[in-house]
Amino acid sequence: MTADFDALAAEGKRTQSEAAMAQLWAAVYALPSWYFVIKPERQPVSPFVGVVDNQPFLMAFTDKQRADQFARRQGFVDASGATSILATPVQGMVENAEQYRAQGVFGILFNDGPNGFFAPLANLTPMWQYFQKQAAEQQ
């Protein structure tokens, strides 16, 4: 069963509670992959980085459909009208976060829109470790 990320993010924003945010991020880290938009003809292939509040963010999505919708809204389609979406295993993205930080990227923004949510890239590894430990303890 897939988590309802809109509901989880809305609840986190509404309550500002640590428990609600932990539930949201646990669901994010439980995904097998995160999805990223690739701008057409971009070489080398890399995730799109957008600027929000004057900070560069990796624009990430919890599913391919959200990434595709974002790409189409931004006009990131090739000559045939197709979008390029990169599915990246969560662990691989966490392991590469420092490379993006070194390039000046501040954070990762999921599901751009009213129920979007973000974390600084510096928090990805500690969060990954925390939620991996939580998941192991529940088994």
N, C-alpha and C. Protein backbone atom coordinates (compact mmCIF):
# COMPACT_ATOMS: atom_id res chain seq x y z
N MET A 1 0.84 -1.19 0.00
CA MET A 1 0.00 0.00 0.00
C MET A 1 0.88 1.25 0.00
N THR A 2 0.57 2.18 -0.87
CA THR A 2 1.34 3.40 -0.99
C THR A 2 0.82 4.44 0.01
N ALA A 3 1.75 5.14 0.61
CA ALA A 3 1.38 6.19 1.56
C ALA A 3 0.69 7.34 0.83
N ASP A 4 -0.21 8.01 1.51
CA ASP A 4 -0.86 9.21 0.98
C ASP A 4 -0.01 10.40 1.40
N PHE A 5 0.94 10.75 0.55
CA PHE A 5 1.89 11.79 0.91
C PHE A 5 1.24 13.16 1.05
N ASP A 6 0.19 13.43 0.28
CA ASP A 6 -0.50 14.71 0.44
C ASP A 6 -1.11 14.81 1.84
N ALA A 7 -1.77 13.73 2.27
CA ALA A 7 -2.40 13.74 3.60
C ALA A 7 -1.34 13.82 4.70
N LEU A 8 -0.26 13.05 4.56
CA LEU A 8 0.80 13.08 5.58
C LEU A 8 1.44 14.45 5.68
N ALA A 9 1.73 15.06 4.53
CA ALA A 9 2.35 16.39 4.54
C ALA A 9 1.39 17.44 5.09
N ALA A 10 0.14 17.37 4.71
CA ALA A 10 -0.86 18.33 5.22
C ALA A 10 -1.00 18.20 6.73
N GLU A 11 -1.01 16.97 7.22
CA GLU A 11 -1.12 16.75 8.67
C GLU A 11 0.11 17.31 9.39
N GLY A 12 1.27 17.09 8.82
CA GLY A 12 2.49 17.63 9.42
C GLY A 12 2.48 19.14 9.49
N LYS A 13 2.02 19.78 8.42
CA LYS A 13 1.94 21.24 8.40
C LYS A 13 0.88 21.75 9.36
N ARG A 14 -0.26 21.04 9.41
CA ARG A 14 -1.37 21.48 10.26
C ARG A 14 -1.01 21.40 11.73
N THR A 15 -0.43 20.28 12.12
CA THR A 15 -0.17 20.06 13.56
C THR A 15 1.20 20.53 14.01
N GLN A 16 2.14 20.61 13.06
CA GLN A 16 3.53 20.94 13.40
C GLN A 16 4.09 19.98 14.46
N SER A 17 3.55 18.78 14.50
CA SER A 17 3.98 17.83 15.52
C SER A 17 5.13 16.97 15.02
N GLU A 18 5.99 16.64 15.95
CA GLU A 18 7.12 15.78 15.63
C GLU A 18 6.65 14.41 15.17
N ALA A 19 5.59 13.90 15.78
CA ALA A 19 5.07 12.58 15.42
C ALA A 19 4.56 12.57 13.97
N ALA A 20 3.85 13.61 13.58
CA ALA A 20 3.32 13.68 12.21
C ALA A 20 4.45 13.79 11.20
N MET A 21 5.45 14.59 11.51
CA MET A 21 6.59 14.72 10.59
C MET A 21 7.39 13.42 10.52
N ALA A 22 7.51 12.74 11.63
CA ALA A 22 8.23 11.46 11.64
C ALA A 22 7.48 10.44 10.78
N GLN A 23 6.16 10.46 10.84
CA GLN A 23 5.36 9.53 10.02
C GLN A 23 5.57 9.84 8.53
N LEU A 24 5.57 11.11 8.18
CA LEU A 24 5.80 11.52 6.79
C LEU A 24 7.17 11.06 6.31
N TRP A 25 8.20 11.38 7.06
CA TRP A 25 9.56 11.04 6.63
C TRP A 25 9.82 9.54 6.66
N ALA A 26 9.19 8.83 7.58
CA ALA A 26 9.33 7.37 7.58
C ALA A 26 8.78 6.80 6.28
N ALA A 27 7.66 7.33 5.80
CA ALA A 27 7.07 6.87 4.54
C ALA A 27 7.98 7.22 3.36
N VAL A 28 8.59 8.39 3.40
CA VAL A 28 9.50 8.80 2.32
C VAL A 28 10.70 7.86 2.26
N TYR A 29 11.28 7.57 3.41
CA TYR A 29 12.46 6.71 3.45
C TYR A 29 12.12 5.23 3.22
N ALA A 30 10.86 4.87 3.33
CA ALA A 30 10.44 3.49 3.06
C ALA A 30 10.25 3.23 1.56
N LEU A 31 10.21 4.28 0.76
CA LEU A 31 10.07 4.11 -0.68
C LEU A 31 11.31 3.41 -1.25
N PRO A 32 11.14 2.62 -2.29
CA PRO A 32 12.32 2.00 -2.92
C PRO A 32 13.15 3.03 -3.70
N SER A 33 12.47 4.01 -4.29
CA SER A 33 13.16 5.03 -5.10
C SER A 33 12.49 6.38 -4.92
N TRP A 34 13.28 7.41 -5.17
CA TRP A 34 12.76 8.76 -5.30
C TRP A 34 12.87 9.12 -6.77
N TYR A 35 12.00 9.99 -7.27
CA TYR A 35 11.93 10.31 -8.68
C TYR A 35 12.37 11.75 -8.92
N PHE A 36 13.13 11.92 -10.00
CA PHE A 36 13.68 13.22 -10.34
C PHE A 36 13.44 13.51 -11.81
N VAL A 37 13.20 14.78 -12.11
CA VAL A 37 13.00 15.23 -13.48
C VAL A 37 14.37 15.55 -14.08
N ILE A 38 14.56 15.13 -15.31
CA ILE A 38 15.76 15.45 -16.07
C ILE A 38 15.35 16.41 -17.18
N LYS A 39 16.00 17.56 -17.26
CA LYS A 39 15.68 18.50 -18.33
C LYS A 39 16.11 17.89 -19.67
N PRO A 40 15.30 18.08 -20.71
CA PRO A 40 15.65 17.53 -22.01
C PRO A 40 17.02 18.04 -22.48
N GLU A 41 17.75 17.15 -23.10
CA GLU A 41 19.05 17.46 -23.69
C GLU A 41 20.09 17.90 -22.67
N ARG A 42 19.86 17.64 -21.41
CA ARG A 42 20.83 18.00 -20.36
C ARG A 42 21.90 16.92 -20.29
N GLN A 43 23.15 17.33 -20.47
CA GLN A 43 24.27 16.40 -20.37
C GLN A 43 25.30 16.98 -19.42
N PRO A 44 25.85 16.25 -18.50
CA PRO A 44 25.44 14.89 -18.19
C PRO A 44 24.06 14.88 -17.53
N VAL A 45 23.43 13.73 -17.58
CA VAL A 45 22.10 13.57 -16.99
C VAL A 45 22.21 13.80 -15.49
N SER A 46 21.40 14.71 -14.99
CA SER A 46 21.37 14.96 -13.55
C SER A 46 20.00 15.51 -13.17
N PRO A 47 19.60 15.32 -11.91
CA PRO A 47 18.29 15.80 -11.47
C PRO A 47 18.18 17.32 -11.58
N PHE A 48 16.96 17.76 -11.88
CA PHE A 48 16.69 19.19 -11.96
C PHE A 48 16.82 19.83 -10.59
N VAL A 49 17.49 20.97 -10.55
CA VAL A 49 17.63 21.76 -9.34
C VAL A 49 16.85 23.06 -9.54
N GLY A 50 15.87 23.29 -8.67
CA GLY A 50 15.09 24.52 -8.72
C GLY A 50 15.50 25.44 -7.59
N VAL A 51 15.13 26.69 -7.71
CA VAL A 51 15.44 27.66 -6.67
C VAL A 51 14.15 28.05 -5.96
N VAL A 52 14.14 27.86 -4.64
CA VAL A 52 13.00 28.20 -3.81
C VAL A 52 13.51 29.07 -2.67
N ASP A 53 12.90 30.24 -2.50
CA ASP A 53 13.34 31.19 -1.47
C ASP A 53 14.85 31.42 -1.54
N ASN A 54 15.33 31.62 -2.76
CA ASN A 54 16.74 31.91 -3.04
C ASN A 54 17.70 30.79 -2.64
N GLN A 55 17.19 29.58 -2.49
CA GLN A 55 18.02 28.42 -2.15
C GLN A 55 17.84 27.35 -3.24
N PRO A 56 18.95 26.74 -3.69
CA PRO A 56 18.82 25.66 -4.66
C PRO A 56 18.39 24.35 -4.00
N PHE A 57 17.39 23.71 -4.61
CA PHE A 57 16.84 22.45 -4.10
C PHE A 57 16.79 21.42 -5.23
N LEU A 58 17.15 20.18 -4.91
CA LEU A 58 16.83 19.07 -5.79
C LEU A 58 15.31 18.93 -5.74
N MET A 59 14.69 18.83 -6.89
CA MET A 59 13.24 18.68 -6.95
C MET A 59 12.95 17.19 -7.06
N ALA A 60 12.44 16.62 -5.99
CA ALA A 60 12.20 15.18 -5.90
C ALA A 60 10.71 14.90 -5.79
N PHE A 61 10.36 13.66 -6.13
CA PHE A 61 8.96 13.28 -6.11
C PHE A 61 8.83 11.87 -5.56
N THR A 62 7.70 11.62 -4.92
CA THR A 62 7.47 10.32 -4.31
C THR A 62 6.95 9.29 -5.29
N ASP A 63 6.56 9.72 -6.49
CA ASP A 63 6.15 8.77 -7.52
C ASP A 63 6.40 9.37 -8.89
N LYS A 64 6.42 8.49 -9.87
CA LYS A 64 6.74 8.90 -11.24
C LYS A 64 5.69 9.85 -11.81
N GLN A 65 4.42 9.64 -11.46
CA GLN A 65 3.35 10.47 -12.00
C GLN A 65 3.51 11.93 -11.55
N ARG A 66 3.87 12.14 -10.30
CA ARG A 66 4.07 13.52 -9.82
C ARG A 66 5.25 14.17 -10.56
N ALA A 67 6.31 13.40 -10.75
CA ALA A 67 7.47 13.93 -11.47
C ALA A 67 7.09 14.29 -12.90
N ASP A 68 6.33 13.43 -13.55
CA ASP A 68 5.91 13.68 -14.92
C ASP A 68 5.03 14.94 -15.00
N GLN A 69 4.10 15.08 -14.08
CA GLN A 69 3.23 16.26 -14.07
C GLN A 69 4.05 17.54 -13.88
N PHE A 70 5.02 17.51 -12.97
CA PHE A 70 5.89 18.67 -12.74
C PHE A 70 6.66 19.00 -14.02
N ALA A 71 7.26 17.97 -14.64
CA ALA A 71 8.04 18.18 -15.86
C ALA A 71 7.18 18.83 -16.95
N ARG A 72 5.97 18.37 -17.10
CA ARG A 72 5.08 18.93 -18.13
C ARG A 72 4.71 20.37 -17.80
N ARG A 73 4.42 20.67 -16.52
CA ARG A 73 4.10 22.06 -16.13
C ARG A 73 5.27 22.99 -16.41
N GLN A 74 6.48 22.49 -16.25
CA GLN A 74 7.67 23.31 -16.46
C GLN A 74 8.10 23.36 -17.93
N GLY A 75 7.46 22.57 -18.77
CA GLY A 75 7.83 22.52 -20.18
C GLY A 75 9.07 21.68 -20.46
N PHE A 76 9.39 20.78 -19.55
CA PHE A 76 10.57 19.92 -19.70
C PHE A 76 10.19 18.67 -20.48
N VAL A 77 9.88 18.86 -21.75
CA VAL A 77 9.52 17.76 -22.63
C VAL A 77 10.44 17.80 -23.84
N ASP A 78 10.70 16.64 -24.41
CA ASP A 78 11.54 16.61 -25.61
C ASP A 78 10.69 16.87 -26.85
N ALA A 79 11.30 16.77 -28.01
CA ALA A 79 10.60 17.08 -29.26
C ALA A 79 9.39 16.19 -29.50
N SER A 80 9.43 14.98 -28.94
CA SER A 80 8.30 14.07 -29.12
C SER A 80 7.22 14.25 -28.04
N GLY A 81 7.46 15.17 -27.08
CA GLY A 81 6.50 15.40 -26.01
C GLY A 81 6.70 14.52 -24.80
N ALA A 82 7.79 13.76 -24.77
CA ALA A 82 8.07 12.86 -23.64
C ALA A 82 8.88 13.59 -22.56
N THR A 83 8.71 13.13 -21.35
CA THR A 83 9.51 13.64 -20.23
C THR A 83 10.57 12.60 -19.87
N SER A 84 11.62 13.06 -19.21
CA SER A 84 12.66 12.15 -18.71
C SER A 84 12.60 12.16 -17.20
N ILE A 85 12.31 11.00 -16.64
CA ILE A 85 12.20 10.85 -15.19
C ILE A 85 13.24 9.81 -14.76
N LEU A 86 14.00 10.17 -13.75
CA LEU A 86 15.03 9.29 -13.21
C LEU A 86 14.57 8.74 -11.87
N ALA A 87 14.46 7.42 -11.78
CA ALA A 87 14.14 6.76 -10.50
C ALA A 87 15.47 6.41 -9.85
N THR A 88 15.71 6.97 -8.67
CA THR A 88 16.97 6.74 -7.96
C THR A 88 16.69 6.02 -6.65
N PRO A 89 17.33 4.87 -6.42
CA PRO A 89 17.15 4.21 -5.14
C PRO A 89 17.47 5.17 -3.98
N VAL A 90 16.65 5.10 -2.95
CA VAL A 90 16.80 6.04 -1.83
C VAL A 90 18.22 5.99 -1.25
N GLN A 91 18.73 4.81 -1.01
CA GLN A 91 20.07 4.71 -0.43
C GLN A 91 21.11 5.37 -1.32
N GLY A 92 21.01 5.19 -2.63
CA GLY A 92 21.94 5.83 -3.55
C GLY A 92 21.87 7.34 -3.49
N MET A 93 20.66 7.87 -3.38
CA MET A 93 20.51 9.33 -3.29
C MET A 93 21.11 9.85 -1.99
N VAL A 94 20.86 9.14 -0.91
CA VAL A 94 21.43 9.55 0.38
C VAL A 94 22.96 9.54 0.30
N GLU A 95 23.50 8.50 -0.31
CA GLU A 95 24.96 8.39 -0.42
C GLU A 95 25.55 9.48 -1.30
N ASN A 96 24.79 10.00 -2.24
CA ASN A 96 25.29 11.05 -3.14
C ASN A 96 24.95 12.46 -2.69
N ALA A 97 24.26 12.60 -1.59
CA ALA A 97 23.82 13.93 -1.13
C ALA A 97 24.99 14.89 -0.95
N GLU A 98 26.10 14.40 -0.44
CA GLU A 98 27.25 15.27 -0.19
C GLU A 98 27.80 15.86 -1.49
N GLN A 99 27.72 15.11 -2.57
CA GLN A 99 28.18 15.63 -3.87
C GLN A 99 27.34 16.83 -4.29
N TYR A 100 26.04 16.75 -4.07
CA TYR A 100 25.17 17.87 -4.41
C TYR A 100 25.41 19.06 -3.49
N ARG A 101 25.64 18.79 -2.22
CA ARG A 101 25.96 19.87 -1.28
C ARG A 101 27.23 20.59 -1.72
N ALA A 102 28.22 19.83 -2.16
CA ALA A 102 29.48 20.42 -2.61
C ALA A 102 29.28 21.32 -3.83
N GLN A 103 28.23 21.06 -4.59
CA GLN A 103 27.90 21.89 -5.76
C GLN A 103 27.02 23.08 -5.38
N GLY A 104 26.72 23.22 -4.10
CA GLY A 104 25.94 24.37 -3.64
C GLY A 104 24.46 24.13 -3.47
N VAL A 105 24.00 22.89 -3.63
CA VAL A 105 22.57 22.59 -3.46
C VAL A 105 22.27 22.52 -1.97
N PHE A 106 21.27 23.26 -1.54
CA PHE A 106 20.93 23.35 -0.11
C PHE A 106 20.09 22.17 0.38
N GLY A 107 19.05 21.83 -0.38
CA GLY A 107 18.10 20.85 0.14
C GLY A 107 17.44 20.02 -0.93
N ILE A 108 16.49 19.22 -0.47
CA ILE A 108 15.68 18.39 -1.36
C ILE A 108 14.22 18.71 -1.07
N LEU A 109 13.48 19.06 -2.11
CA LEU A 109 12.07 19.42 -2.00
C LEU A 109 11.24 18.34 -2.66
N PHE A 110 10.35 17.74 -1.91
CA PHE A 110 9.49 16.68 -2.43
C PHE A 110 8.14 17.22 -2.82
N ASN A 111 7.63 16.74 -3.95
CA ASN A 111 6.25 16.97 -4.39
C ASN A 111 5.88 18.44 -4.41
N ASP A 112 6.67 19.21 -5.15
CA ASP A 112 6.44 20.65 -5.26
C ASP A 112 4.96 20.96 -5.40
N GLY A 113 4.49 21.88 -4.58
CA GLY A 113 3.08 22.26 -4.59
C GLY A 113 2.60 22.52 -3.18
N PRO A 114 1.29 22.61 -3.00
CA PRO A 114 0.75 22.98 -1.69
C PRO A 114 1.11 22.00 -0.57
N ASN A 115 1.33 20.74 -0.92
CA ASN A 115 1.69 19.76 0.10
C ASN A 115 3.13 19.29 -0.05
N GLY A 116 3.95 20.16 -0.62
CA GLY A 116 5.37 19.85 -0.73
C GLY A 116 6.04 19.93 0.63
N PHE A 117 7.18 19.30 0.75
CA PHE A 117 7.94 19.31 2.00
C PHE A 117 9.40 19.13 1.66
N PHE A 118 10.28 19.56 2.57
CA PHE A 118 11.71 19.56 2.25
C PHE A 118 12.56 19.22 3.45
N ALA A 119 13.82 18.95 3.14
CA ALA A 119 14.84 18.77 4.17
C ALA A 119 16.16 19.30 3.62
N PRO A 120 16.99 19.86 4.46
CA PRO A 120 18.35 20.21 4.02
C PRO A 120 19.10 18.93 3.65
N LEU A 121 19.94 18.99 2.64
CA LEU A 121 20.71 17.81 2.25
C LEU A 121 21.57 17.29 3.40
N ALA A 122 22.02 18.19 4.26
CA ALA A 122 22.84 17.77 5.40
C ALA A 122 22.10 16.82 6.32
N ASN A 123 20.76 16.82 6.26
CA ASN A 123 19.96 15.96 7.13
C ASN A 123 19.66 14.59 6.54
N LEU A 124 19.95 14.39 5.25
CA LEU A 124 19.53 13.13 4.62
C LEU A 124 20.18 11.90 5.25
N THR A 125 21.47 11.94 5.48
CA THR A 125 22.14 10.77 6.05
C THR A 125 21.67 10.49 7.47
N PRO A 126 21.64 11.48 8.38
CA PRO A 126 21.13 11.17 9.72
C PRO A 126 19.68 10.68 9.72
N MET A 127 18.85 11.24 8.85
CA MET A 127 17.47 10.79 8.77
C MET A 127 17.41 9.36 8.25
N TRP A 128 18.20 9.05 7.23
CA TRP A 128 18.26 7.69 6.67
C TRP A 128 18.64 6.70 7.77
N GLN A 129 19.67 7.03 8.51
CA GLN A 129 20.14 6.13 9.57
C GLN A 129 19.05 5.94 10.63
N TYR A 130 18.39 7.01 11.02
CA TYR A 130 17.34 6.95 12.02
C TYR A 130 16.20 6.05 11.56
N PHE A 131 15.71 6.27 10.34
CA PHE A 131 14.56 5.50 9.87
C PHE A 131 14.93 4.06 9.53
N GLN A 132 16.16 3.81 9.13
CA GLN A 132 16.61 2.42 8.96
C GLN A 132 16.60 1.69 10.29
N LYS A 133 17.07 2.36 11.33
CA LYS A 133 17.08 1.77 12.66
C LYS A 133 15.66 1.51 13.15
N GLN A 134 14.77 2.47 12.94
CA GLN A 134 13.37 2.32 13.32
C GLN A 134 12.74 1.12 12.62
N ALA A 135 12.99 1.01 11.32
CA ALA A 135 12.41 -0.09 10.54
C ALA A 135 12.95 -1.43 11.02
N ALA A 136 14.23 -1.50 11.34
CA ALA A 136 14.83 -2.75 11.82
C ALA A 136 14.24 -3.15 13.17
N GLU A 137 13.99 -2.18 14.03
CA GLU A 137 13.43 -2.46 15.35
C GLU A 137 11.98 -2.94 15.27
N GLN A 138 11.28 -2.58 14.21
CA GLN A 138 9.88 -3.00 14.07
C GLN A 138 9.73 -4.39 13.46
N GLN A 139 10.83 -4.96 12.99
CA GLN A 139 10.76 -6.29 12.38
C GLN A 139 10.83 -7.39 13.41
